[in-house]
Amino acid sequence: MVEGVGAGVPGELMYFTDRGIEELEDQRGDEQVTMSWLAERLRDFVDLNPEFDTAIDRLATWLAHLDEDGDF
C-alpha cells in the first residue's frame, strides 16, 4: 500500500493497483461495454501475460458471482 498517492485525501491509504483503476476510470469511465467484450479483453490479457492467469481467473469468478448471496 502507498499512503496518499492519488487518493485525494491526505493520509488515506491506497493500494498501488488503485492507480491503474483510477487511470481506467479517467480514460474510459464514460464508455459502456458488454461482458462478452470484457471477457475477450481478459482472455487477450492472459494470452499476453500468462503469469496473471490466477489473478484474472479470480477476478472473473468474483465478477460472475457478484450478485449471489454468500461470501466469495
PDB file of N, CA and C in Angstrom:
ATOM      1  N   MET A   1       0.835  -1.180   0.000  1.00  0.00           N
ATOM      2  CA  MET A   1       0.000   0.000   0.000  1.00  0.00           C
ATOM      3  C   MET A   1       0.875   1.237   0.000  1.00  0.00           C
ATOM      4  N   VAL A   2       0.347   2.284  -0.561  1.00  0.00           N
ATOM      5  CA  VAL A   2       1.033   3.565  -0.619  1.00  0.00           C
ATOM      6  C   VAL A   2       0.142   4.567   0.075  1.00  0.00           C
ATOM      7  N   GLU A   3       0.723   5.387   0.929  1.00  0.00           N
ATOM      8  CA  GLU A   3      -0.092   6.353   1.648  1.00  0.00           C
ATOM      9  C   GLU A   3      -0.273   7.608   0.830  1.00  0.00           C
ATOM     10  N   GLY A   4      -1.533   7.964   0.577  1.00  0.00           N
ATOM     11  CA  GLY A   4      -1.878   9.240  -0.009  1.00  0.00           C
ATOM     12  C   GLY A   4      -1.606   9.402  -1.499  1.00  0.00           C
ATOM     13  N   VAL A   5      -1.019   8.447  -2.167  1.00  0.00           N
ATOM     14  CA  VAL A   5      -0.702   8.598  -3.580  1.00  0.00           C
ATOM     15  C   VAL A   5      -1.969   8.555  -4.403  1.00  0.00           C
ATOM     16  N   GLY A   6      -2.380   9.680  -4.943  1.00  0.00           N
ATOM     17  CA  GLY A   6      -3.550   9.730  -5.800  1.00  0.00           C
ATOM     18  C   GLY A   6      -4.864   9.463  -5.099  1.00  0.00           C
ATOM     19  N   ALA A   7      -4.835   9.353  -3.792  1.00  0.00           N
ATOM     20  CA  ALA A   7      -6.046   9.004  -3.061  1.00  0.00           C
ATOM     21  C   ALA A   7      -7.002  10.170  -2.934  1.00  0.00           C
ATOM     22  N   GLY A   8      -6.505  11.383  -3.072  1.00  0.00           N
ATOM     23  CA  GLY A   8      -7.378  12.540  -2.988  1.00  0.00           C
ATOM     24  C   GLY A   8      -7.568  13.045  -1.571  1.00  0.00           C
ATOM     25  N   VAL A   9      -7.245  12.236  -0.593  1.00  0.00           N
ATOM     26  CA  VAL A   9      -7.361  12.630   0.814  1.00  0.00           C
ATOM     27  C   VAL A   9      -6.005  12.387   1.460  1.00  0.00           C
ATOM     28  N   PRO A  10      -5.360  13.456   1.975  1.00  0.00           N
ATOM     29  CA  PRO A  10      -4.056  13.277   2.601  1.00  0.00           C
ATOM     30  C   PRO A  10      -4.116  12.231   3.708  1.00  0.00           C
ATOM     31  N   GLY A  11      -3.143  11.319   3.693  1.00  0.00           N
ATOM     32  CA  GLY A  11      -3.063  10.292   4.712  1.00  0.00           C
ATOM     33  C   GLY A  11      -3.920   9.072   4.443  1.00  0.00           C
ATOM     34  N   GLU A  12      -4.779   9.106   3.420  1.00  0.00           N
ATOM     35  CA  GLU A  12      -5.626   7.957   3.094  1.00  0.00           C
ATOM     36  C   GLU A  12      -4.772   6.869   2.467  1.00  0.00           C
ATOM     37  N   LEU A  13      -4.959   5.622   2.922  1.00  0.00           N
ATOM     38  CA  LEU A  13      -4.205   4.516   2.362  1.00  0.00           C
ATOM     39  C   LEU A  13      -4.818   4.089   1.044  1.00  0.00           C
ATOM     40  N   MET A  14      -3.954   3.692   0.135  1.00  0.00           N
ATOM     41  CA  MET A  14      -4.391   3.313  -1.200  1.00  0.00           C
ATOM     42  C   MET A  14      -3.473   2.216  -1.708  1.00  0.00           C
ATOM     43  N   TYR A  15      -4.049   1.177  -2.281  1.00  0.00           N
ATOM     44  CA  TYR A  15      -3.232   0.137  -2.884  1.00  0.00           C
ATOM     45  C   TYR A  15      -2.604   0.673  -4.156  1.00  0.00           C
ATOM     46  N   PHE A  16      -1.405   0.195  -4.466  1.00  0.00           N
ATOM     47  CA  PHE A  16      -0.712   0.631  -5.676  1.00  0.00           C
ATOM     48  C   PHE A  16      -1.560   0.381  -6.913  1.00  0.00           C
ATOM     49  N   THR A  17      -2.306  -0.745  -6.935  1.00  0.00           N
ATOM     50  CA  THR A  17      -3.119  -1.066  -8.104  1.00  0.00           C
ATOM     51  C   THR A  17      -4.262  -0.090  -8.296  1.00  0.00           C
ATOM     52  N   ASP A  18      -4.631   0.655  -7.268  1.00  0.00           N
ATOM     53  CA  ASP A  18      -5.686   1.650  -7.415  1.00  0.00           C
ATOM     54  C   ASP A  18      -5.311   2.696  -8.458  1.00  0.00           C
ATOM     55  N   ARG A  19      -4.035   2.928  -8.659  1.00  0.00           N
ATOM     56  CA  ARG A  19      -3.618   3.902  -9.670  1.00  0.00           C
ATOM     57  C   ARG A  19      -4.072   3.468 -11.052  1.00  0.00           C
ATOM     58  N   GLY A  20      -3.938   2.186 -11.356  1.00  0.00           N
ATOM     59  CA  GLY A  20      -4.396   1.660 -12.637  1.00  0.00           C
ATOM     60  C   GLY A  20      -5.902   1.720 -12.766  1.00  0.00           C
ATOM     61  N   ILE A  21      -6.599   1.440 -11.671  1.00  0.00           N
ATOM     62  CA  ILE A  21      -8.059   1.507 -11.675  1.00  0.00           C
ATOM     63  C   ILE A  21      -8.504   2.944 -11.901  1.00  0.00           C
ATOM     64  N   GLU A  22      -7.848   3.888 -11.244  1.00  0.00           N
ATOM     65  CA  GLU A  22      -8.182   5.297 -11.450  1.00  0.00           C
ATOM     66  C   GLU A  22      -7.903   5.722 -12.886  1.00  0.00           C
ATOM     67  N   GLU A  23      -6.794   5.250 -13.463  1.00  0.00           N
ATOM     68  CA  GLU A  23      -6.479   5.574 -14.852  1.00  0.00           C
ATOM     69  C   GLU A  23      -7.554   5.018 -15.785  1.00  0.00           C
ATOM     70  N   LEU A  24      -7.985   3.774 -15.538  1.00  0.00           N
ATOM     71  CA  LEU A  24      -9.048   3.174 -16.337  1.00  0.00           C
ATOM     72  C   LEU A  24     -10.316   4.013 -16.259  1.00  0.00           C
ATOM     73  N   GLU A  25     -10.677   4.410 -15.062  1.00  0.00           N
ATOM     74  CA  GLU A  25     -11.890   5.218 -14.881  1.00  0.00           C
ATOM     75  C   GLU A  25     -11.749   6.580 -15.562  1.00  0.00           C
ATOM     76  N   ASP A  26     -10.585   7.199 -15.428  1.00  0.00           N
ATOM     77  CA  ASP A  26     -10.369   8.502 -16.059  1.00  0.00           C
ATOM     78  C   ASP A  26     -10.387   8.410 -17.583  1.00  0.00           C
ATOM     79  N   GLN A  27      -9.742   7.380 -18.133  1.00  0.00           N
ATOM     80  CA  GLN A  27      -9.606   7.251 -19.582  1.00  0.00           C
ATOM     81  C   GLN A  27     -10.858   6.701 -20.264  1.00  0.00           C
ATOM     82  N   ARG A  28     -11.563   5.776 -19.599  1.00  0.00           N
ATOM     83  CA  ARG A  28     -12.647   5.071 -20.273  1.00  0.00           C
ATOM     84  C   ARG A  28     -13.920   5.011 -19.453  1.00  0.00           C
ATOM     85  N   GLY A  29     -14.011   5.829 -18.408  1.00  0.00           N
ATOM     86  CA  GLY A  29     -15.127   5.775 -17.471  1.00  0.00           C
ATOM     87  C   GLY A  29     -16.496   6.065 -18.065  1.00  0.00           C
ATOM     88  N   ASP A  30     -16.548   6.766 -19.181  1.00  0.00           N
ATOM     89  CA  ASP A  30     -17.836   7.089 -19.805  1.00  0.00           C
ATOM     90  C   ASP A  30     -18.293   6.030 -20.811  1.00  0.00           C
ATOM     91  N   GLU A  31     -17.435   5.056 -21.093  1.00  0.00           N
ATOM     92  CA  GLU A  31     -17.776   4.025 -22.077  1.00  0.00           C
ATOM     93  C   GLU A  31     -18.651   2.945 -21.461  1.00  0.00           C
ATOM     94  N   GLN A  32     -19.459   2.324 -22.288  1.00  0.00           N
ATOM     95  CA  GLN A  32     -20.230   1.154 -21.871  1.00  0.00           C
ATOM     96  C   GLN A  32     -19.721  -0.038 -22.665  1.00  0.00           C
ATOM     97  N   VAL A  33     -19.546  -1.155 -21.981  1.00  0.00           N
ATOM     98  CA  VAL A  33     -19.052  -2.367 -22.627  1.00  0.00           C
ATOM     99  C   VAL A  33     -19.931  -3.540 -22.237  1.00  0.00           C
ATOM    100  N   THR A  34     -19.895  -4.573 -23.043  1.00  0.00           N
ATOM    101  CA  THR A  34     -20.624  -5.792 -22.713  1.00  0.00           C
ATOM    102  C   THR A  34     -19.697  -6.714 -21.923  1.00  0.00           C
ATOM    103  N   MET A  35     -20.303  -7.669 -21.244  1.00  0.00           N
ATOM    104  CA  MET A  35     -19.499  -8.650 -20.520  1.00  0.00           C
ATOM    105  C   MET A  35     -18.715  -9.515 -21.505  1.00  0.00           C
ATOM    106  N   SER A  36     -19.279  -9.748 -22.688  1.00  0.00           N
ATOM    107  CA  SER A  36     -18.556 -10.511 -23.711  1.00  0.00           C
ATOM    108  C   SER A  36     -17.290  -9.778 -24.138  1.00  0.00           C
ATOM    109  N   TRP A  37     -17.379  -8.465 -24.296  1.00  0.00           N
ATOM    110  CA  TRP A  37     -16.211  -7.661 -24.652  1.00  0.00           C
ATOM    111  C   TRP A  37     -15.164  -7.754 -23.552  1.00  0.00           C
ATOM    112  N   LEU A  38     -15.606  -7.598 -22.291  1.00  0.00           N
ATOM    113  CA  LEU A  38     -14.684  -7.668 -21.160  1.00  0.00           C
ATOM    114  C   LEU A  38     -14.029  -9.041 -21.076  1.00  0.00           C
ATOM    115  N   ALA A  39     -14.809 -10.103 -21.254  1.00  0.00           N
ATOM    116  CA  ALA A  39     -14.259 -11.460 -21.208  1.00  0.00           C
ATOM    117  C   ALA A  39     -13.181 -11.639 -22.281  1.00  0.00           C
ATOM    118  N   GLU A  40     -13.423 -11.120 -23.464  1.00  0.00           N
ATOM    119  CA  GLU A  40     -12.435 -11.244 -24.545  1.00  0.00           C
ATOM    120  C   GLU A  40     -11.161 -10.462 -24.220  1.00  0.00           C
ATOM    121  N   ARG A  41     -11.297  -9.268 -23.639  1.00  0.00           N
ATOM    122  CA  ARG A  41     -10.117  -8.496 -23.251  1.00  0.00           C
ATOM    123  C   ARG A  41      -9.338  -9.212 -22.165  1.00  0.00           C
ATOM    124  N   LEU A  42     -10.030  -9.844 -21.222  1.00  0.00           N
ATOM    125  CA  LEU A  42      -9.342 -10.601 -20.169  1.00  0.00           C
ATOM    126  C   LEU A  42      -8.589 -11.785 -20.776  1.00  0.00           C
ATOM    127  N   ARG A  43      -9.200 -12.472 -21.736  1.00  0.00           N
ATOM    128  CA  ARG A  43      -8.513 -13.571 -22.433  1.00  0.00           C
ATOM    129  C   ARG A  43      -7.268 -13.054 -23.151  1.00  0.00           C
ATOM    130  N   ASP A  44      -7.408 -11.934 -23.842  1.00  0.00           N
ATOM    131  CA  ASP A  44      -6.261 -11.329 -24.535  1.00  0.00           C
ATOM    132  C   ASP A  44      -5.135 -11.019 -23.550  1.00  0.00           C
ATOM    133  N   PHE A  45      -5.506 -10.447 -22.407  1.00  0.00           N
ATOM    134  CA  PHE A  45      -4.509 -10.083 -21.399  1.00  0.00           C
ATOM    135  C   PHE A  45      -3.771 -11.309 -20.892  1.00  0.00           C
ATOM    136  N   VAL A  46      -4.502 -12.382 -20.595  1.00  0.00           N
ATOM    137  CA  VAL A  46      -3.867 -13.608 -20.100  1.00  0.00           C
ATOM    138  C   VAL A  46      -2.993 -14.241 -21.180  1.00  0.00           C
ATOM    139  N   ASP A  47      -3.430 -14.168 -22.432  1.00  0.00           N
ATOM    140  CA  ASP A  47      -2.594 -14.686 -23.524  1.00  0.00           C
ATOM    141  C   ASP A  47      -1.255 -13.959 -23.572  1.00  0.00           C
ATOM    142  N   LEU A  48      -1.277 -12.657 -23.340  1.00  0.00           N
ATOM    143  CA  LEU A  48      -0.054 -11.847 -23.366  1.00  0.00           C
ATOM    144  C   LEU A  48       0.735 -11.915 -22.066  1.00  0.00           C
ATOM    145  N   ASN A  49       0.034 -12.224 -20.967  1.00  0.00           N
ATOM    146  CA  ASN A  49       0.640 -12.222 -19.631  1.00  0.00           C
ATOM    147  C   ASN A  49       0.203 -13.459 -18.857  1.00  0.00           C
ATOM    148  N   PRO A  50       0.655 -14.641 -19.241  1.00  0.00           N
ATOM    149  CA  PRO A  50       0.174 -15.872 -18.612  1.00  0.00           C
ATOM    150  C   PRO A  50       0.454 -15.950 -17.115  1.00  0.00           C
ATOM    151  N   GLU A  51       1.405 -15.196 -16.620  1.00  0.00           N
ATOM    152  CA  GLU A  51       1.709 -15.215 -15.189  1.00  0.00           C
ATOM    153  C   GLU A  51       0.568 -14.632 -14.350  1.00  0.00           C
ATOM    154  N   PHE A  52      -0.377 -13.935 -14.981  1.00  0.00           N
ATOM    155  CA  PHE A  52      -1.521 -13.359 -14.276  1.00  0.00           C
ATOM    156  C   PHE A  52      -2.778 -14.212 -14.404  1.00  0.00           C
ATOM    157  N   ASP A  53      -2.632 -15.432 -14.898  1.00  0.00           N
ATOM    158  CA  ASP A  53      -3.763 -16.327 -15.104  1.00  0.00           C
ATOM    159  C   ASP A  53      -4.610 -16.494 -13.836  1.00  0.00           C
ATOM    160  N   THR A  54      -3.972 -16.752 -12.709  1.00  0.00           N
ATOM    161  CA  THR A  54      -4.708 -16.988 -11.462  1.00  0.00           C
ATOM    162  C   THR A  54      -5.462 -15.739 -11.025  1.00  0.00           C
ATOM    163  N   ALA A  55      -4.819 -14.590 -11.082  1.00  0.00           N
ATOM    164  CA  ALA A  55      -5.477 -13.350 -10.655  1.00  0.00           C
ATOM    165  C   ALA A  55      -6.669 -13.017 -11.549  1.00  0.00           C
ATOM    166  N   ILE A  56      -6.514 -13.179 -12.848  1.00  0.00           N
ATOM    167  CA  ILE A  56      -7.609 -12.889 -13.778  1.00  0.00           C
ATOM    168  C   ILE A  56      -8.745 -13.889 -13.590  1.00  0.00           C
ATOM    169  N   ASP A  57      -8.404 -15.152 -13.354  1.00  0.00           N
ATOM    170  CA  ASP A  57      -9.427 -16.165 -13.093  1.00  0.00           C
ATOM    171  C   ASP A  57     -10.215 -15.814 -11.834  1.00  0.00           C
ATOM    172  N   ARG A  58      -9.524 -15.390 -10.796  1.00  0.00           N
ATOM    173  CA  ARG A  58     -10.209 -14.994  -9.547  1.00  0.00           C
ATOM    174  C   ARG A  58     -11.096 -13.780  -9.759  1.00  0.00           C
ATOM    175  N   LEU A  59     -10.613 -12.799 -10.496  1.00  0.00           N
ATOM    176  CA  LEU A  59     -11.413 -11.609 -10.789  1.00  0.00           C
ATOM    177  C   LEU A  59     -12.658 -11.981 -11.590  1.00  0.00           C
ATOM    178  N   ALA A  60     -12.497 -12.781 -12.624  1.00  0.00           N
ATOM    179  CA  ALA A  60     -13.627 -13.179 -13.461  1.00  0.00           C
ATOM    180  C   ALA A  60     -14.651 -13.977 -12.650  1.00  0.00           C
ATOM    181  N   THR A  61     -14.182 -14.885 -11.810  1.00  0.00           N
ATOM    182  CA  THR A  61     -15.089 -15.673 -10.978  1.00  0.00           C
ATOM    183  C   THR A  61     -15.817 -14.779  -9.987  1.00  0.00           C
ATOM    184  N   TRP A  62     -15.112 -13.829  -9.391  1.00  0.00           N
ATOM    185  CA  TRP A  62     -15.727 -12.897  -8.443  1.00  0.00           C
ATOM    186  C   TRP A  62     -16.800 -12.066  -9.145  1.00  0.00           C
ATOM    187  N   LEU A  63     -16.497 -11.561 -10.333  1.00  0.00           N
ATOM    188  CA  LEU A  63     -17.473 -10.784 -11.089  1.00  0.00           C
ATOM    189  C   LEU A  63     -18.686 -11.632 -11.469  1.00  0.00           C
ATOM    190  N   ALA A  64     -18.445 -12.891 -11.847  1.00  0.00           N
ATOM    191  CA  ALA A  64     -19.537 -13.772 -12.257  1.00  0.00           C
ATOM    192  C   ALA A  64     -20.514 -14.041 -11.115  1.00  0.00           C
ATOM    193  N   HIS A  65     -20.016 -14.053  -9.889  1.00  0.00           N
ATOM    194  CA  HIS A  65     -20.843 -14.412  -8.724  1.00  0.00           C
ATOM    195  C   HIS A  65     -21.171 -13.212  -7.840  1.00  0.00           C
ATOM    196  N   LEU A  66     -20.938 -12.025  -8.321  1.00  0.00           N
ATOM    197  CA  LEU A  66     -21.072 -10.817  -7.526  1.00  0.00           C
ATOM    198  C   LEU A  66     -22.458 -10.630  -6.904  1.00  0.00           C
ATOM    199  N   ASP A  67     -23.508 -10.997  -7.607  1.00  0.00           N
ATOM    200  CA  ASP A  67     -24.867 -10.778  -7.111  1.00  0.00           C
ATOM    201  C   ASP A  67     -25.415 -11.946  -6.302  1.00  0.00           C
ATOM    202  N   GLU A  68     -24.629 -12.984  -6.118  1.00  0.00           N
ATOM    203  CA  GLU A  68     -25.081 -14.140  -5.355  1.00  0.00           C
ATOM    204  C   GLU A  68     -24.898 -13.891  -3.860  1.00  0.00           C
ATOM    205  N   ASP A  69     -25.735 -14.546  -3.072  1.00  0.00           N
ATOM    206  CA  ASP A  69     -25.595 -14.457  -1.625  1.00  0.00           C
ATOM    207  C   ASP A  69     -24.386 -15.278  -1.175  1.00  0.00           C
ATOM    208  N   GLY A  70     -23.813 -14.880  -0.069  1.00  0.00           N
ATOM    209  CA  GLY A  70     -22.682 -15.622   0.476  1.00  0.00           C
ATOM    210  C   GLY A  70     -21.378 -14.943   0.173  1.00  0.00           C
ATOM    211  N   ASP A  71     -20.363 -15.443   0.847  1.00  0.00           N
ATOM    212  CA  ASP A  71     -19.024 -14.902   0.656  1.00  0.00           C
ATOM    213  C   ASP A  71     -18.395 -15.480  -0.578  1.00  0.00           C
ATOM    214  N   PHE A  72     -17.676 -14.654  -1.300  1.00  0.00           N
ATOM    215  CA  PHE A  72     -16.932 -15.139  -2.451  1.00  0.00           C
ATOM    216  C   PHE A  72     -15.636 -14.437  -2.537  1.00  0.00           C
TER     217      PHE A  72
END
